[in-house]
Structures are given as structure tokens and as C-alpha cells.
């Protein structure tokens, strides 16, 4: 499991991105790049990292399900994800 501070940092970044989204859109449309530079670094959506909602793992993340590959496998094998089953032939 990821450290709690890393998970909290990502939540804070997502809030900051949402807060400044409209202002960033206006500044970009007007071409005012100097004012855009004065916004906080974390206001940029590029800085947000996708993390597993259960473990906080940053790598091996499936967007469709919102979890990492490890959690996905465990959930699929236990039948917690509808429509997913282990293939065999």
C-alpha cells in the first residue's frame, strides 16, 4: 500500500486542478501565458497521477475500473467485478 501522504497529495492536486480549470481555460483562450505561469504548479492537469482507489498504487492502473492490476486480479478471481472471468481454453 502506498504511503498515506502520497494518496492525500494526489487528492489535493485533483481539487486544485478542479478549482483552476475554468480560469486556465479562459487564460489559454486569450493567450495570456504570463498569467497562466502565475497559477500554482499543481493547477495543471498534467501533474495528476492516476492511483488505485484501494491501495494507492501508481503503476499498473486500469482506468476503466479505477484500480491497479493486482487489485483487479484479486477482485476478478473473487467475482466482485461483474462480467469478468478468468479465461481458459
PDB file of N, CA and C in Angstrom:
ATOM      1  N   UNK A   1       0.840  -1.179   0.000  1.00  0.00           N
ATOM      2  CA  UNK A   1       0.000   0.000   0.000  1.00  0.00           C
ATOM      3  C   UNK A   1       0.885   1.242   0.000  1.00  0.00           C
ATOM      4  N   UNK A   2       0.467   2.242  -0.754  1.00  0.00           N
ATOM      5  CA  UNK A   2       1.214   3.491  -0.832  1.00  0.00           C
ATOM      6  C   UNK A   2       1.102   4.247   0.489  1.00  0.00           C
ATOM      7  N   UNK A   3       2.067   5.124   0.711  1.00  0.00           N
ATOM      8  CA  UNK A   3       2.019   5.930   1.917  1.00  0.00           C
ATOM      9  C   UNK A   3       0.803   6.846   1.879  1.00  0.00           C
ATOM     10  N   UNK A   4       0.233   7.098   3.035  1.00  0.00           N
ATOM     11  CA  UNK A   4      -0.978   7.916   3.128  1.00  0.00           C
ATOM     12  C   UNK A   4      -0.745   9.332   2.631  1.00  0.00           C
ATOM     13  N   UNK A   5       0.463   9.858   2.827  1.00  0.00           N
ATOM     14  CA  UNK A   5       0.739  11.231   2.411  1.00  0.00           C
ATOM     15  C   UNK A   5       0.723  11.360   0.891  1.00  0.00           C
ATOM     16  N   UNK A   6       1.130  10.304   0.165  1.00  0.00           N
ATOM     17  CA  UNK A   6       1.120  10.352  -1.293  1.00  0.00           C
ATOM     18  C   UNK A   6      -0.304  10.333  -1.838  1.00  0.00           C
ATOM     19  N   UNK A   7      -1.140   9.542  -1.203  1.00  0.00           N
ATOM     20  CA  UNK A   7      -2.545   9.486  -1.603  1.00  0.00           C
ATOM     21  C   UNK A   7      -3.219  10.827  -1.330  1.00  0.00           C
ATOM     22  N   UNK A   8      -2.937  11.403  -0.163  1.00  0.00           N
ATOM     23  CA  UNK A   8      -3.515  12.697   0.203  1.00  0.00           C
ATOM     24  C   UNK A   8      -3.037  13.801  -0.734  1.00  0.00           C
ATOM     25  N   UNK A   9      -1.786  13.731  -1.159  1.00  0.00           N
ATOM     26  CA  UNK A   9      -1.227  14.731  -2.069  1.00  0.00           C
ATOM     27  C   UNK A   9      -1.958  14.709  -3.409  1.00  0.00           C
ATOM     28  N   UNK A  10      -2.260  13.503  -3.888  1.00  0.00           N
ATOM     29  CA  UNK A  10      -2.977  13.377  -5.158  1.00  0.00           C
ATOM     30  C   UNK A  10      -4.398  13.919  -5.053  1.00  0.00           C
ATOM     31  N   UNK A  11      -5.047  13.682  -3.922  1.00  0.00           N
ATOM     32  CA  UNK A  11      -6.393  14.211  -3.712  1.00  0.00           C
ATOM     33  C   UNK A  11      -6.354  15.744  -3.719  1.00  0.00           C
ATOM     34  N   UNK A  12      -5.346  16.290  -3.084  1.00  0.00           N
ATOM     35  CA  UNK A  12      -5.185  17.746  -3.032  1.00  0.00           C
ATOM     36  C   UNK A  12      -4.932  18.312  -4.436  1.00  0.00           C
ATOM     37  N   UNK A  13      -4.129  17.611  -5.230  1.00  0.00           N
ATOM     38  CA  UNK A  13      -3.866  18.040  -6.606  1.00  0.00           C
ATOM     39  C   UNK A  13      -5.137  18.039  -7.438  1.00  0.00           C
ATOM     40  N   UNK A  14      -5.955  16.997  -7.289  1.00  0.00           N
ATOM     41  CA  UNK A  14      -7.200  16.917  -8.049  1.00  0.00           C
ATOM     42  C   UNK A  14      -8.134  18.076  -7.702  1.00  0.00           C
ATOM     43  N   UNK A  15      -8.174  18.439  -6.429  1.00  0.00           N
ATOM     44  CA  UNK A  15      -9.007  19.576  -6.013  1.00  0.00           C
ATOM     45  C   UNK A  15      -8.486  20.878  -6.614  1.00  0.00           C
ATOM     46  N   UNK A  16      -7.164  21.046  -6.626  1.00  0.00           N
ATOM     47  CA  UNK A  16      -6.560  22.253  -7.186  1.00  0.00           C
ATOM     48  C   UNK A  16      -6.820  22.351  -8.681  1.00  0.00           C
ATOM     49  N   UNK A  17      -6.715  21.240  -9.389  1.00  0.00           N
ATOM     50  CA  UNK A  17      -6.977  21.223 -10.828  1.00  0.00           C
ATOM     51  C   UNK A  17      -8.421  21.616 -11.096  1.00  0.00           C
ATOM     52  N   UNK A  18      -9.344  21.064 -10.313  1.00  0.00           N
ATOM     53  CA  UNK A  18     -10.759  21.380 -10.497  1.00  0.00           C
ATOM     54  C   UNK A  18     -11.043  22.852 -10.193  1.00  0.00           C
ATOM     55  N   UNK A  19     -10.362  23.388  -9.198  1.00  0.00           N
ATOM     56  CA  UNK A  19     -10.573  24.776  -8.791  1.00  0.00           C
ATOM     57  C   UNK A  19     -10.153  25.754  -9.887  1.00  0.00           C
ATOM     58  N   UNK A  20      -9.028  25.485 -10.538  1.00  0.00           N
ATOM     59  CA  UNK A  20      -8.476  26.415 -11.525  1.00  0.00           C
ATOM     60  C   UNK A  20      -8.805  26.038 -12.978  1.00  0.00           C
ATOM     61  N   UNK A  21      -9.612  25.018 -13.201  1.00  0.00           N
ATOM     62  CA  UNK A  21      -9.878  24.542 -14.563  1.00  0.00           C
ATOM     63  C   UNK A  21     -10.496  25.621 -15.440  1.00  0.00           C
ATOM     64  N   UNK A  22     -11.507  26.291 -14.943  1.00  0.00           N
ATOM     65  CA  UNK A  22     -12.189  27.323 -15.735  1.00  0.00           C
ATOM     66  C   UNK A  22     -11.265  28.505 -16.021  1.00  0.00           C
ATOM     67  N   UNK A  23     -10.514  28.937 -15.008  1.00  0.00           N
ATOM     68  CA  UNK A  23      -9.585  30.060 -15.186  1.00  0.00           C
ATOM     69  C   UNK A  23      -8.491  29.710 -16.185  1.00  0.00           C
ATOM     70  N   UNK A  24      -7.961  28.499 -16.103  1.00  0.00           N
ATOM     71  CA  UNK A  24      -6.935  28.053 -17.065  1.00  0.00           C
ATOM     72  C   UNK A  24      -7.481  28.054 -18.481  1.00  0.00           C
ATOM     73  N   UNK A  25      -8.714  27.617 -18.626  1.00  0.00           N
ATOM     74  CA  UNK A  25      -9.339  27.567 -19.945  1.00  0.00           C
ATOM     75  C   UNK A  25      -9.461  28.972 -20.540  1.00  0.00           C
ATOM     76  N   UNK A  26      -9.888  29.933 -19.722  1.00  0.00           N
ATOM     77  CA  UNK A  26     -10.023  31.322 -20.180  1.00  0.00           C
ATOM     78  C   UNK A  26      -8.670  31.917 -20.555  1.00  0.00           C
ATOM     79  N   UNK A  27      -7.664  31.702 -19.712  1.00  0.00           N
ATOM     80  CA  UNK A  27      -6.338  32.263 -19.971  1.00  0.00           C
ATOM     81  C   UNK A  27      -5.731  31.673 -21.241  1.00  0.00           C
ATOM     82  N   UNK A  28      -5.919  30.390 -21.450  1.00  0.00           N
ATOM     83  CA  UNK A  28      -5.398  29.764 -22.670  1.00  0.00           C
ATOM     84  C   UNK A  28      -6.105  30.292 -23.905  1.00  0.00           C
ATOM     85  N   UNK A  29      -7.427  30.496 -23.807  1.00  0.00           N
ATOM     86  CA  UNK A  29      -8.191  31.008 -24.951  1.00  0.00           C
ATOM     87  C   UNK A  29      -7.762  32.426 -25.306  1.00  0.00           C
ATOM     88  N   UNK A  30      -7.432  33.231 -24.295  1.00  0.00           N
ATOM     89  CA  UNK A  30      -6.988  34.610 -24.523  1.00  0.00           C
ATOM     90  C   UNK A  30      -5.515  34.700 -24.899  1.00  0.00           C
ATOM     91  N   UNK A  31      -4.773  33.628 -24.684  1.00  0.00           N
ATOM     92  CA  UNK A  31      -3.341  33.631 -24.986  1.00  0.00           C
ATOM     93  C   UNK A  31      -2.514  34.352 -23.947  1.00  0.00           C
ATOM     94  N   UNK A  32      -3.042  34.490 -22.736  1.00  0.00           N
ATOM     95  CA  UNK A  32      -2.338  35.189 -21.652  1.00  0.00           C
ATOM     96  C   UNK A  32      -1.466  34.192 -20.899  1.00  0.00           C
ATOM     97  N   UNK A  33      -0.300  33.898 -21.453  1.00  0.00           N
ATOM     98  CA  UNK A  33       0.567  32.866 -20.884  1.00  0.00           C
ATOM     99  C   UNK A  33       1.337  33.346 -19.657  1.00  0.00           C
ATOM    100  N   UNK A  34       1.493  34.635 -19.503  1.00  0.00           N
ATOM    101  CA  UNK A  34       2.166  35.151 -18.298  1.00  0.00           C
ATOM    102  C   UNK A  34       1.292  34.935 -17.073  1.00  0.00           C
ATOM    103  N   UNK A  35       0.008  35.181 -17.202  1.00  0.00           N
ATOM    104  CA  UNK A  35      -0.914  34.947 -16.080  1.00  0.00           C
ATOM    105  C   UNK A  35      -1.045  33.449 -15.820  1.00  0.00           C
ATOM    106  N   UNK A  36      -0.947  32.665 -16.872  1.00  0.00           N
ATOM    107  CA  UNK A  36      -1.019  31.218 -16.730  1.00  0.00           C
ATOM    108  C   UNK A  36       0.175  30.699 -15.932  1.00  0.00           C
ATOM    109  N   UNK A  37       1.335  31.320 -16.119  1.00  0.00           N
ATOM    110  CA  UNK A  37       2.540  30.927 -15.388  1.00  0.00           C
ATOM    111  C   UNK A  37       2.430  31.246 -13.895  1.00  0.00           C
ATOM    112  N   UNK A  38       1.605  32.225 -13.553  1.00  0.00           N
ATOM    113  CA  UNK A  38       1.485  32.639 -12.153  1.00  0.00           C
ATOM    114  C   UNK A  38       0.542  31.745 -11.345  1.00  0.00           C
ATOM    115  N   UNK A  39      -0.187  30.886 -12.032  1.00  0.00           N
ATOM    116  CA  UNK A  39      -1.049  29.948 -11.312  1.00  0.00           C
ATOM    117  C   UNK A  39      -0.180  28.913 -10.601  1.00  0.00           C
ATOM    118  N   UNK A  40      -0.726  28.227  -9.596  1.00  0.00           N
ATOM    119  CA  UNK A  40       0.056  27.190  -8.905  1.00  0.00           C
ATOM    120  C   UNK A  40       0.458  26.058  -9.847  1.00  0.00           C
ATOM    121  N   UNK A  41       1.595  25.443  -9.570  1.00  0.00           N
ATOM    122  CA  UNK A  41       2.068  24.331 -10.393  1.00  0.00           C
ATOM    123  C   UNK A  41       1.046  23.200 -10.438  1.00  0.00           C
ATOM    124  N   UNK A  42       0.458  22.925  -9.302  1.00  0.00           N
ATOM    125  CA  UNK A  42      -0.473  21.800  -9.216  1.00  0.00           C
ATOM    126  C   UNK A  42      -1.831  22.092  -9.837  1.00  0.00           C
ATOM    127  N   UNK A  43      -2.009  23.267 -10.421  1.00  0.00           N
ATOM    128  CA  UNK A  43      -3.248  23.587 -11.110  1.00  0.00           C
ATOM    129  C   UNK A  43      -3.274  22.970 -12.501  1.00  0.00           C
ATOM    130  N   UNK A  44      -2.151  22.463 -12.953  1.00  0.00           N
ATOM    131  CA  UNK A  44      -2.071  21.841 -14.270  1.00  0.00           C
ATOM    132  C   UNK A  44      -2.549  20.388 -14.194  1.00  0.00           C
ATOM    133  N   UNK A  45      -3.457  19.986 -15.082  1.00  0.00           N
ATOM    134  CA  UNK A  45      -3.955  18.606 -15.026  1.00  0.00           C
ATOM    135  C   UNK A  45      -2.903  17.551 -15.368  1.00  0.00           C
ATOM    136  N   UNK A  46      -1.798  17.954 -15.952  1.00  0.00           N
ATOM    137  CA  UNK A  46      -0.731  17.016 -16.298  1.00  0.00           C
ATOM    138  C   UNK A  46      -0.066  16.456 -15.046  1.00  0.00           C
ATOM    139  N   UNK A  47      -0.111  17.196 -13.962  1.00  0.00           N
ATOM    140  CA  UNK A  47       0.575  16.780 -12.740  1.00  0.00           C
ATOM    141  C   UNK A  47      -0.196  15.740 -11.921  1.00  0.00           C
ATOM    142  N   UNK A  48      -1.442  15.484 -12.293  1.00  0.00           N
ATOM    143  CA  UNK A  48      -2.242  14.492 -11.575  1.00  0.00           C
ATOM    144  C   UNK A  48      -1.820  13.091 -12.002  1.00  0.00           C
ATOM    145  N   UNK A  49      -1.617  12.225 -11.035  1.00  0.00           N
ATOM    146  CA  UNK A  49      -1.190  10.850 -11.293  1.00  0.00           C
ATOM    147  C   UNK A  49      -2.343   9.922 -10.944  1.00  0.00           C
ATOM    148  N   UNK A  50      -2.679   9.016 -11.847  1.00  0.00           N
ATOM    149  CA  UNK A  50      -3.737   8.046 -11.566  1.00  0.00           C
ATOM    150  C   UNK A  50      -3.242   7.044 -10.534  1.00  0.00           C
ATOM    151  N   UNK A  51      -4.064   6.824  -9.506  1.00  0.00           N
ATOM    152  CA  UNK A  51      -3.708   5.877  -8.456  1.00  0.00           C
ATOM    153  C   UNK A  51      -4.886   4.960  -8.167  1.00  0.00           C
ATOM    154  N   UNK A  52      -4.569   3.760  -7.733  1.00  0.00           N
ATOM    155  CA  UNK A  52      -5.582   2.793  -7.345  1.00  0.00           C
ATOM    156  C   UNK A  52      -6.374   3.353  -6.164  1.00  0.00           C
ATOM    157  N   UNK A  53      -7.701   3.238  -6.222  1.00  0.00           N
ATOM    158  CA  UNK A  53      -8.518   3.793  -5.144  1.00  0.00           C
ATOM    159  C   UNK A  53      -8.413   2.979  -3.856  1.00  0.00           C
ATOM    160  N   UNK A  54      -8.017   1.715  -3.959  1.00  0.00           N
ATOM    161  CA  UNK A  54      -7.925   0.867  -2.774  1.00  0.00           C
ATOM    162  C   UNK A  54      -6.543   0.867  -2.143  1.00  0.00           C
ATOM    163  N   UNK A  55      -5.492   0.770  -2.967  1.00  0.00           N
ATOM    164  CA  UNK A  55      -4.139   0.653  -2.424  1.00  0.00           C
ATOM    165  C   UNK A  55      -3.288   1.896  -2.629  1.00  0.00           C
ATOM    166  N   UNK A  56      -3.652   2.743  -3.580  1.00  0.00           N
ATOM    167  CA  UNK A  56      -2.853   3.927  -3.868  1.00  0.00           C
ATOM    168  C   UNK A  56      -1.690   3.650  -4.801  1.00  0.00           C
ATOM    169  N   UNK A  57      -1.630   2.459  -5.369  1.00  0.00           N
ATOM    170  CA  UNK A  57      -0.527   2.093  -6.264  1.00  0.00           C
ATOM    171  C   UNK A  57      -0.590   2.928  -7.542  1.00  0.00           C
ATOM    172  N   UNK A  58       0.547   3.563  -7.928  1.00  0.00           N
ATOM    173  CA  UNK A  58       0.534   4.435  -9.102  1.00  0.00           C
ATOM    174  C   UNK A  58       0.755   3.718 -10.428  1.00  0.00           C
ATOM    175  N   UNK A  59       1.314   2.541 -10.401  1.00  0.00           N
ATOM    176  CA  UNK A  59       1.610   1.834 -11.653  1.00  0.00           C
ATOM    177  C   UNK A  59       0.640   0.684 -11.856  1.00  0.00           C
ATOM    178  N   UNK A  60       0.473   0.298 -13.121  1.00  0.00           N
ATOM    179  CA  UNK A  60      -0.422  -0.805 -13.443  1.00  0.00           C
ATOM    180  C   UNK A  60      -1.859  -0.447 -13.153  1.00  0.00           C
ATOM    181  N   UNK A  61      -2.263   0.756 -13.513  1.00  0.00           N
ATOM    182  CA  UNK A  61      -3.584   1.286 -13.205  1.00  0.00           C
ATOM    183  C   UNK A  61      -4.525   1.085 -14.383  1.00  0.00           C
ATOM    184  N   UNK A  62      -5.696   0.499 -14.145  1.00  0.00           N
ATOM    185  CA  UNK A  62      -6.725   0.343 -15.181  1.00  0.00           C
ATOM    186  C   UNK A  62      -7.746   1.457 -15.018  1.00  0.00           C
ATOM    187  N   UNK A  63      -7.803   2.350 -15.997  1.00  0.00           N
ATOM    188  CA  UNK A  63      -8.714   3.490 -15.910  1.00  0.00           C
ATOM    189  C   UNK A  63     -10.171   3.069 -15.821  1.00  0.00           C
ATOM    190  N   UNK A  64     -10.530   2.077 -16.586  1.00  0.00           N
ATOM    191  CA  UNK A  64     -11.926   1.647 -16.657  1.00  0.00           C
ATOM    192  C   UNK A  64     -12.454   1.210 -15.290  1.00  0.00           C
ATOM    193  N   UNK A  65     -11.607   0.617 -14.480  1.00  0.00           N
ATOM    194  CA  UNK A  65     -12.029   0.091 -13.188  1.00  0.00           C
ATOM    195  C   UNK A  65     -11.546   0.934 -12.008  1.00  0.00           C
ATOM    196  N   UNK A  66     -10.528   1.762 -12.220  1.00  0.00           N
ATOM    197  CA  UNK A  66     -10.030   2.632 -11.152  1.00  0.00           C
ATOM    198  C   UNK A  66      -9.152   1.932 -10.135  1.00  0.00           C
ATOM    199  N   UNK A  67      -8.656   0.755 -10.483  1.00  0.00           N
ATOM    200  CA  UNK A  67      -7.812   0.005  -9.556  1.00  0.00           C
ATOM    201  C   UNK A  67      -6.548  -0.468 -10.267  1.00  0.00           C
ATOM    202  N   UNK A  68      -5.578  -0.912  -9.488  1.00  0.00           N
ATOM    203  CA  UNK A  68      -4.338  -1.427 -10.066  1.00  0.00           C
ATOM    204  C   UNK A  68      -4.547  -2.851 -10.564  1.00  0.00           C
ATOM    205  N   UNK A  69      -3.589  -3.342 -11.301  1.00  0.00           N
ATOM    206  CA  UNK A  69      -3.689  -4.677 -11.886  1.00  0.00           C
ATOM    207  C   UNK A  69      -3.767  -5.757 -10.811  1.00  0.00           C
ATOM    208  N   UNK A  70      -3.092  -5.526  -9.696  1.00  0.00           N
ATOM    209  CA  UNK A  70      -3.084  -6.527  -8.622  1.00  0.00           C
ATOM    210  C   UNK A  70      -4.449  -6.620  -7.950  1.00  0.00           C
ATOM    211  N   UNK A  71      -5.023  -5.469  -7.656  1.00  0.00           N
ATOM    212  CA  UNK A  71      -6.341  -5.440  -7.026  1.00  0.00           C
ATOM    213  C   UNK A  71      -7.386  -5.957  -8.007  1.00  0.00           C
ATOM    214  N   UNK A  72      -7.228  -5.575  -9.283  1.00  0.00           N
ATOM    215  CA  UNK A  72      -8.155  -6.039 -10.318  1.00  0.00           C
ATOM    216  C   UNK A  72      -8.189  -7.562 -10.375  1.00  0.00           C
ATOM    217  N   UNK A  73      -7.017  -8.175 -10.342  1.00  0.00           N
ATOM    218  CA  UNK A  73      -6.936  -9.636 -10.421  1.00  0.00           C
ATOM    219  C   UNK A  73      -7.627 -10.292  -9.231  1.00  0.00           C
ATOM    220  N   UNK A  74      -7.364  -9.763  -8.049  1.00  0.00           N
ATOM    221  CA  UNK A  74      -7.989 -10.326  -6.853  1.00  0.00           C
ATOM    222  C   UNK A  74      -9.511 -10.179  -6.897  1.00  0.00           C
ATOM    223  N   UNK A  75      -9.972  -9.019  -7.325  1.00  0.00           N
ATOM    224  CA  UNK A  75     -11.413  -8.774  -7.401  1.00  0.00           C
ATOM    225  C   UNK A  75     -12.060  -9.661  -8.472  1.00  0.00           C
ATOM    226  N   UNK A  76     -11.379  -9.838  -9.592  1.00  0.00           N
ATOM    227  CA  UNK A  76     -11.915 -10.660 -10.673  1.00  0.00           C
ATOM    228  C   UNK A  76     -11.998 -12.128 -10.256  1.00  0.00           C
ATOM    229  N   UNK A  77     -10.968 -12.622  -9.589  1.00  0.00           N
ATOM    230  CA  UNK A  77     -10.960 -14.023  -9.160  1.00  0.00           C
ATOM    231  C   UNK A  77     -12.009 -14.299  -8.084  1.00  0.00           C
ATOM    232  N   UNK A  78     -12.279 -13.289  -7.267  1.00  0.00           N
ATOM    233  CA  UNK A  78     -13.296 -13.487  -6.229  1.00  0.00           C
ATOM    234  C   UNK A  78     -14.702 -13.176  -6.727  1.00  0.00           C
ATOM    235  N   UNK A  79     -14.822 -12.731  -7.991  1.00  0.00           N
ATOM    236  CA  UNK A  79     -16.134 -12.482  -8.580  1.00  0.00           C
ATOM    237  C   UNK A  79     -16.763 -11.163  -8.217  1.00  0.00           C
ATOM    238  N   UNK A  80     -15.976 -10.199  -7.804  1.00  0.00           N
ATOM    239  CA  UNK A  80     -16.501  -8.900  -7.395  1.00  0.00           C
ATOM    240  C   UNK A  80     -16.720  -7.949  -8.569  1.00  0.00           C
ATOM    241  N   UNK A  81     -16.163  -8.278  -9.747  1.00  0.00           N
ATOM    242  CA  UNK A  81     -16.340  -7.433 -10.928  1.00  0.00           C
ATOM    243  C   UNK A  81     -17.276  -8.172 -11.881  1.00  0.00           C
ATOM    244  N   UNK A  82     -18.469  -7.643 -12.127  1.00  0.00           N
ATOM    245  CA  UNK A  82     -19.415  -8.343 -12.996  1.00  0.00           C
ATOM    246  C   UNK A  82     -18.911  -8.416 -14.437  1.00  0.00           C
ATOM    247  N   UNK A  83     -19.106  -9.563 -15.059  1.00  0.00           N
ATOM    248  CA  UNK A  83     -18.738  -9.748 -16.456  1.00  0.00           C
ATOM    249  C   UNK A  83     -17.299 -10.134 -16.692  1.00  0.00           C
ATOM    250  N   UNK A  84     -16.503 -10.232 -15.646  1.00  0.00           N
ATOM    251  CA  UNK A  84     -15.091 -10.594 -15.785  1.00  0.00           C
ATOM    252  C   UNK A  84     -14.886 -11.992 -15.212  1.00  0.00           C
ATOM    253  N   UNK A  85     -14.256 -12.837 -16.026  1.00  0.00           N
ATOM    254  CA  UNK A  85     -13.906 -14.165 -15.519  1.00  0.00           C
ATOM    255  C   UNK A  85     -12.567 -14.575 -16.124  1.00  0.00           C
ATOM    256  N   UNK A  86     -11.885 -15.454 -15.462  1.00  0.00           N
ATOM    257  CA  UNK A  86     -10.597 -15.924 -15.932  1.00  0.00           C
ATOM    258  C   UNK A  86     -10.796 -16.802 -17.160  1.00  0.00           C
ATOM    259  N   UNK A  87     -10.031 -16.523 -18.183  1.00  0.00           N
ATOM    260  CA  UNK A  87     -10.180 -17.301 -19.402  1.00  0.00           C
ATOM    261  C   UNK A  87      -9.385 -18.596 -19.317  1.00  0.00           C
ATOM    262  N   UNK A  88      -9.921 -19.619 -19.949  1.00  0.00           N
ATOM    263  CA  UNK A  88      -9.196 -20.891 -20.068  1.00  0.00           C
ATOM    264  C   UNK A  88      -9.710 -21.598 -21.305  1.00  0.00           C
ATOM    265  N   UNK A  89      -8.810 -22.247 -22.003  1.00  0.00           N
ATOM    266  CA  UNK A  89      -9.200 -22.977 -23.228  1.00  0.00           C
ATOM    267  C   UNK A  89      -8.364 -24.202 -23.410  1.00  0.00           C
TER     268      UNK A  89
END
